[in-house]
Amino acid sequence: MCNAATKLIATTALATMITACSGNSGKIDPATELYNQAEAQYQAGNPQQVYLLLDSIKSAYPDSVGLQRRGLMLRRQAFLIELADEIVLVDDSINQCIADVNALKPLIKTINDPRLVEPYSVAAAGYNPDFLSTTGIQARIDDAGQFYIISSLQSALKHTGIKLTASSESAEAGPVPFDGELNYRINGSEVITFSPMQSQAIGEFASSHRDQGATLQFTGGKSHSVKLNAKQVNAIADCYDYSKAMTRGRLLSLQREKLTRQQQLTTSQIDQLKSAN
């Protein structure tokens, strides 16, 4: 409501100013003057100014039907400028995601064992196929590109979560109560699969603490802590950053497709308006 009122005041003030100036010249009516200025702003590549001027015509000169009809096309033409500018920004972001994925891809290893329900990826450095028989955490990326964490504890402490600490900062995942599925027991190990949402804080933490050691604490039951060296922290960060770049790239590609469809629709609308005239 406030924005609408502010916009109305601005457009009315602009129309009033144009009216005053035009009244002095006596050569052109104020509505046409506003439209001419809107066209000039379009040529200058300023779509927001085009919208403001066209809105001024509509609010201050509601009887200027002919100009408002012409304004329909001009508004859509200005919108094409706005779409083109947005596409440039999206394309730049997509290219950055591609560069990030290509830089990290050599650091990632895909595990595709026929015994698995679906393949997953891990950091190639320090990969241990017998991870579930050790104590620690392993960052993984599922087949859809989502980052998640697996914890394994060679002890009966009944842990339900994990906590990473470094440089007086920390991040946690969990709790995940024992249910025999996400929190289960295998070969004497307590194993938890944290969801992508639960794992995000750990991934962000590792990414922002690269090349540092950290303390891993198993929480929820009897507390137990182990040290992670910088390579182990970097392995988590590599998986997180790789997943983040892939996921963001996919979302940006969908946004790019939406913008392209908007371009096509707007161009079609402009063609229809030209035909009608």
Protein backbone atom coordinates (compact mmCIF):
# COMPACT_ATOMS: atom_id res chain seq x y z
CA MET A 1 0.00 0.00 0.00
CA CYS A 2 2.81 2.40 0.92
CA ASN A 3 4.75 1.62 -2.26
CA ALA A 4 1.63 2.13 -4.38
CA ALA A 5 0.93 5.48 -2.72
CA THR A 6 4.54 6.59 -3.15
CA LYS A 7 4.47 5.58 -6.81
CA LEU A 8 1.20 7.51 -7.37
CA ILE A 9 2.67 10.62 -5.75
CA ALA A 10 5.81 10.34 -7.89
CA THR A 11 3.95 9.89 -11.15
CA THR A 12 1.51 12.70 -10.34
CA ALA A 13 4.34 15.05 -9.42
CA LEU A 14 6.17 14.16 -12.62
CA ALA A 15 3.05 14.78 -14.70
CA THR A 16 2.46 18.10 -12.96
CA MET A 17 6.02 19.21 -13.65
CA ILE A 18 5.72 18.29 -17.32
CA THR A 19 2.40 20.09 -17.53
CA ALA A 20 3.94 23.26 -16.14
CA CYS A 21 6.83 23.15 -18.59
CA SER A 22 4.56 22.39 -21.54
CA GLY A 23 2.17 25.14 -20.57
CA ASN A 24 4.97 27.64 -20.96
CA SER A 25 5.99 26.40 -24.40
CA GLY A 26 2.47 26.02 -25.81
CA LYS A 27 3.78 23.71 -28.52
CA ILE A 28 2.94 20.21 -27.26
CA ASP A 29 0.41 18.75 -24.87
CA PRO A 30 1.81 17.37 -21.59
CA ALA A 31 0.68 13.77 -22.17
CA THR A 32 2.51 13.64 -25.50
CA GLU A 33 5.55 15.20 -23.86
CA LEU A 34 5.55 12.44 -21.26
CA TYR A 35 5.27 9.82 -23.97
CA ASN A 36 8.14 11.37 -25.94
CA GLN A 37 10.28 11.29 -22.83
CA ALA A 38 9.34 7.65 -22.29
CA GLU A 39 10.50 6.84 -25.82
CA ALA A 40 13.75 8.70 -25.17
CA GLN A 41 14.32 6.68 -22.00
CA TYR A 42 13.66 3.50 -23.96
CA GLN A 43 16.27 4.48 -26.53
CA ALA A 44 18.66 5.21 -23.67
CA GLY A 45 18.07 1.74 -22.24
CA ASN A 46 16.32 2.81 -19.03
CA PRO A 47 13.24 0.56 -18.68
CA GLN A 48 12.37 1.67 -15.13
CA GLN A 49 12.11 5.29 -16.28
CA VAL A 50 9.92 4.16 -19.17
CA TYR A 51 7.53 2.48 -16.73
CA LEU A 52 7.41 5.57 -14.52
CA LEU A 53 6.62 7.91 -17.42
CA LEU A 54 3.96 5.62 -18.87
CA ASP A 55 2.38 5.27 -15.43
CA SER A 56 2.34 9.05 -15.20
CA ILE A 57 0.35 9.28 -18.42
CA LYS A 58 -2.15 6.71 -17.19
CA SER A 59 -2.66 8.33 -13.79
CA ALA A 60 -2.59 12.02 -14.79
CA TYR A 61 -4.20 11.81 -18.24
CA PRO A 62 -6.68 8.91 -18.20
CA ASP A 63 -8.39 10.25 -21.35
CA SER A 64 -5.23 9.91 -23.47
CA VAL A 65 -6.37 6.54 -24.80
CA GLY A 66 -4.30 6.68 -27.98
CA LEU A 67 -1.06 7.33 -26.14
CA GLN A 68 -1.83 4.61 -23.60
CA ARG A 69 -2.34 2.12 -26.41
CA ARG A 70 1.01 3.08 -27.89
CA GLY A 71 2.41 2.77 -24.40
CA LEU A 72 1.41 -0.90 -24.25
CA MET A 73 3.97 -1.71 -26.93
CA LEU A 74 6.60 0.62 -25.51
CA ARG A 75 6.21 -0.98 -22.07
CA ARG A 76 6.80 -4.43 -23.53
CA GLN A 77 9.77 -3.20 -25.53
CA ALA A 78 11.23 -1.77 -22.32
CA PHE A 79 10.59 -5.10 -20.61
CA LEU A 80 12.71 -6.80 -23.29
CA ILE A 81 15.62 -4.57 -22.26
CA GLU A 82 15.09 -5.57 -18.65
CA LEU A 83 15.00 -9.27 -19.58
CA ALA A 84 18.15 -8.97 -21.70
CA ASP A 85 20.03 -7.32 -18.82
CA GLU A 86 18.90 -10.04 -16.42
CA ILE A 87 19.92 -12.78 -18.85
CA VAL A 88 23.44 -11.32 -19.04
CA LEU A 89 23.74 -11.49 -15.25
CA VAL A 90 22.36 -15.04 -15.11
CA ASP A 91 24.70 -16.18 -17.88
CA ASP A 92 27.68 -14.74 -16.00
CA SER A 93 26.62 -16.65 -12.88
CA ILE A 94 26.13 -19.88 -14.86
CA ASN A 95 29.59 -19.53 -16.36
CA GLN A 96 31.05 -19.08 -12.88
CA CYS A 97 29.27 -22.23 -11.68
CA ILE A 98 30.62 -24.16 -14.67
CA ALA A 99 34.13 -22.94 -13.87
CA ASP A 100 33.75 -23.95 -10.22
CA VAL A 101 32.44 -27.41 -11.15
CA ASN A 102 35.27 -27.97 -13.63
CA ALA A 103 37.86 -26.90 -11.06
CA LEU A 104 36.50 -29.24 -8.38
CA LYS A 105 35.54 -32.21 -10.55
CA PRO A 106 39.06 -33.77 -10.54
CA LEU A 107 38.86 -33.84 -6.73
CA ILE A 108 35.64 -35.88 -6.70
CA LYS A 109 35.31 -39.67 -7.03
CA THR A 110 32.07 -41.45 -7.97
CA ILE A 111 31.26 -44.72 -6.19
CA ASN A 112 29.06 -46.89 -8.39
CA ASP A 113 28.86 -50.31 -6.77
CA PRO A 114 26.09 -52.57 -8.14
CA ARG A 115 25.25 -53.47 -4.55
CA LEU A 116 24.27 -49.84 -3.87
CA VAL A 117 20.74 -48.53 -4.28
CA GLU A 118 22.20 -45.56 -6.16
CA PRO A 119 25.71 -44.22 -6.83
CA TYR A 120 27.21 -41.42 -4.78
CA SER A 121 30.33 -39.26 -4.92
CA VAL A 122 33.00 -38.47 -2.34
CA ALA A 123 36.23 -36.52 -2.17
CA ALA A 124 38.90 -38.60 -3.89
CA ALA A 125 41.60 -37.57 -1.41
CA GLY A 126 41.68 -39.95 1.52
CA TYR A 127 38.71 -42.02 0.33
CA ASN A 128 38.33 -45.12 2.49
CA PRO A 129 36.04 -47.87 1.14
CA ASP A 130 35.91 -49.33 4.66
CA PHE A 131 34.75 -46.03 6.18
CA LEU A 132 31.82 -47.68 8.02
CA SER A 133 34.33 -49.69 10.04
CA THR A 134 36.04 -46.54 11.33
CA THR A 135 35.22 -43.55 13.51
CA GLY A 136 34.68 -40.28 11.67
CA ILE A 137 32.44 -38.57 9.13
CA GLN A 138 32.28 -38.80 5.35
CA ALA A 139 30.86 -36.15 3.04
CA ARG A 140 28.88 -37.50 0.10
CA ILE A 141 26.98 -36.20 -2.92
CA ASP A 142 23.95 -38.15 -4.06
CA ASP A 143 22.94 -38.85 -7.64
CA ALA A 144 20.83 -35.67 -7.67
CA GLY A 145 23.83 -33.54 -6.65
CA GLN A 146 22.79 -33.03 -3.02
CA PHE A 147 25.44 -32.86 -0.30
CA TYR A 148 25.01 -34.97 2.83
CA ILE A 149 27.04 -36.37 5.74
CA ILE A 150 27.49 -39.91 7.07
CA SER A 151 28.83 -40.39 10.60
CA SER A 152 30.38 -43.62 11.84
CA LEU A 153 31.31 -44.31 15.45
CA GLN A 154 33.11 -47.48 16.55
CA SER A 155 31.59 -47.42 20.00
CA ALA A 156 28.27 -47.92 21.76
CA LEU A 157 27.68 -44.30 22.79
CA LYS A 158 24.24 -43.92 21.16
CA HIS A 159 25.15 -40.71 19.39
CA THR A 160 22.39 -38.82 17.52
CA GLY A 161 24.36 -35.88 16.12
CA ILE A 162 27.76 -34.40 15.35
CA LYS A 163 29.52 -31.11 15.98
CA LEU A 164 32.56 -29.59 14.25
CA THR A 165 34.67 -27.01 16.08
CA ALA A 166 37.56 -24.90 14.79
CA SER A 167 38.87 -21.45 15.64
CA SER A 168 36.33 -21.07 18.47
CA GLU A 169 33.49 -21.56 15.98
CA SER A 170 31.26 -24.58 15.52
CA ALA A 171 28.52 -26.17 13.44
CA GLU A 172 26.19 -29.07 14.21
CA ALA A 173 24.07 -31.67 12.45
CA GLY A 174 21.22 -33.62 14.02
CA PRO A 175 19.75 -34.88 16.15
CA VAL A 176 18.67 -38.06 14.33
CA PRO A 177 17.09 -40.48 16.80
CA PHE A 178 17.82 -44.18 16.47
CA ASP A 179 15.28 -45.66 14.03
CA GLY A 180 17.14 -48.51 12.35
CA GLU A 181 17.15 -46.65 9.00
CA LEU A 182 18.83 -43.22 9.17
CA ASN A 183 20.39 -44.02 12.54
CA TYR A 184 21.37 -47.67 12.59
CA ARG A 185 24.02 -50.21 13.62
CA ILE A 186 26.28 -52.17 11.28
CA ASN A 187 29.41 -54.22 11.97
CA GLY A 188 29.64 -52.80 15.46
CA SER A 189 29.41 -49.18 14.29
CA GLU A 190 26.83 -46.54 15.05
CA VAL A 191 25.99 -44.99 11.68
CA ILE A 192 23.86 -41.94 10.93
CA THR A 193 22.85 -40.57 7.52
CA PHE A 194 22.12 -36.86 7.90
CA SER A 195 19.74 -35.27 5.43
CA PRO A 196 21.02 -32.61 2.99
CA MET A 197 19.27 -29.93 5.07
CA GLN A 198 20.81 -31.20 8.31
CA SER A 199 24.23 -31.48 6.66
CA GLN A 200 24.35 -27.99 5.19
CA ALA A 201 25.77 -26.28 8.27
CA ILE A 202 28.64 -28.79 8.43
CA GLY A 203 29.40 -28.27 4.74
CA GLU A 204 29.36 -24.48 5.05
CA PHE A 205 31.57 -24.68 8.12
CA ALA A 206 34.16 -26.88 6.38
CA SER A 207 34.13 -24.63 3.31
CA SER A 208 34.84 -21.56 5.43
CA HIS A 209 37.57 -23.36 7.44
CA ARG A 210 39.64 -24.86 4.66
CA ASP A 211 43.24 -25.82 5.46
CA GLN A 212 42.43 -25.95 9.17
CA GLY A 213 42.18 -28.86 11.54
CA ALA A 214 38.93 -29.35 13.48
CA THR A 215 37.49 -31.27 16.38
CA LEU A 216 34.68 -33.68 15.60
CA GLN A 217 32.35 -34.38 18.50
CA PHE A 218 29.71 -37.10 18.53
CA THR A 219 26.72 -35.74 20.44
CA GLY A 220 23.41 -36.92 21.87
CA GLY A 221 24.71 -39.85 23.91
CA LYS A 222 27.97 -40.12 25.76
CA SER A 223 30.23 -37.45 24.33
CA HIS A 224 33.19 -38.56 22.24
CA SER A 225 35.63 -36.41 20.25
CA VAL A 226 38.26 -37.03 17.57
CA LYS A 227 40.57 -34.73 15.66
CA LEU A 228 40.20 -34.06 11.93
CA ASN A 229 43.27 -32.87 10.06
CA ALA A 230 43.18 -30.15 7.39
CA LYS A 231 42.96 -32.71 4.56
CA GLN A 232 39.87 -34.24 6.10
CA VAL A 233 38.23 -30.84 6.52
CA ASN A 234 39.14 -29.96 2.92
CA ALA A 235 37.56 -33.21 1.71
CA ILE A 236 34.26 -32.17 3.28
CA ALA A 237 34.63 -28.68 1.80
CA ASP A 238 35.37 -30.06 -1.69
CA CYS A 239 32.18 -32.12 -1.69
CA TYR A 240 30.10 -29.25 -0.35
CA ASP A 241 31.45 -26.67 -2.81
CA TYR A 242 31.09 -29.10 -5.73
CA SER A 243 27.48 -29.88 -4.80
CA LYS A 244 26.72 -26.19 -4.26
CA ALA A 245 28.12 -25.21 -7.66
CA MET A 246 26.17 -27.98 -9.43
CA THR A 247 22.92 -27.21 -7.63
CA ARG A 248 23.20 -23.46 -8.16
CA GLY A 249 24.07 -24.00 -11.81
CA ARG A 250 20.96 -26.11 -12.32
CA LEU A 251 18.74 -23.54 -10.63
CA LEU A 252 20.26 -20.76 -12.71
CA SER A 253 19.72 -22.78 -15.89
CA LEU A 254 16.03 -23.11 -15.00
CA GLN A 255 15.91 -19.36 -14.38
CA ARG A 256 17.58 -18.80 -17.78
CA GLU A 257 14.95 -20.96 -19.47
CA LYS A 258 12.18 -18.98 -17.75
CA LEU A 259 13.68 -15.68 -18.90
CA THR A 260 13.96 -16.99 -22.46
CA ARG A 261 10.29 -17.99 -22.43
CA GLN A 262 9.41 -14.52 -21.15
CA GLN A 263 11.43 -13.02 -24.00
CA GLN A 264 9.60 -15.12 -26.56
CA LEU A 265 6.19 -14.30 -25.08
CA THR A 266 6.93 -10.58 -24.89
CA THR A 267 8.24 -10.52 -28.47
CA SER A 268 5.07 -12.30 -29.60
CA GLN A 269 2.93 -9.74 -27.77
CA ILE A 270 4.81 -6.90 -29.46
CA ASP A 271 4.27 -8.51 -32.87
CA GLN A 272 0.54 -8.83 -32.13
CA LEU A 273 0.33 -5.16 -31.12
CA LYS A 274 2.12 -4.14 -34.32
CA SER A 275 -0.31 -6.19 -36.38
CA ALA A 276 -3.27 -4.63 -34.59
CA ASN A 277 -1.99 -1.17 -35.47
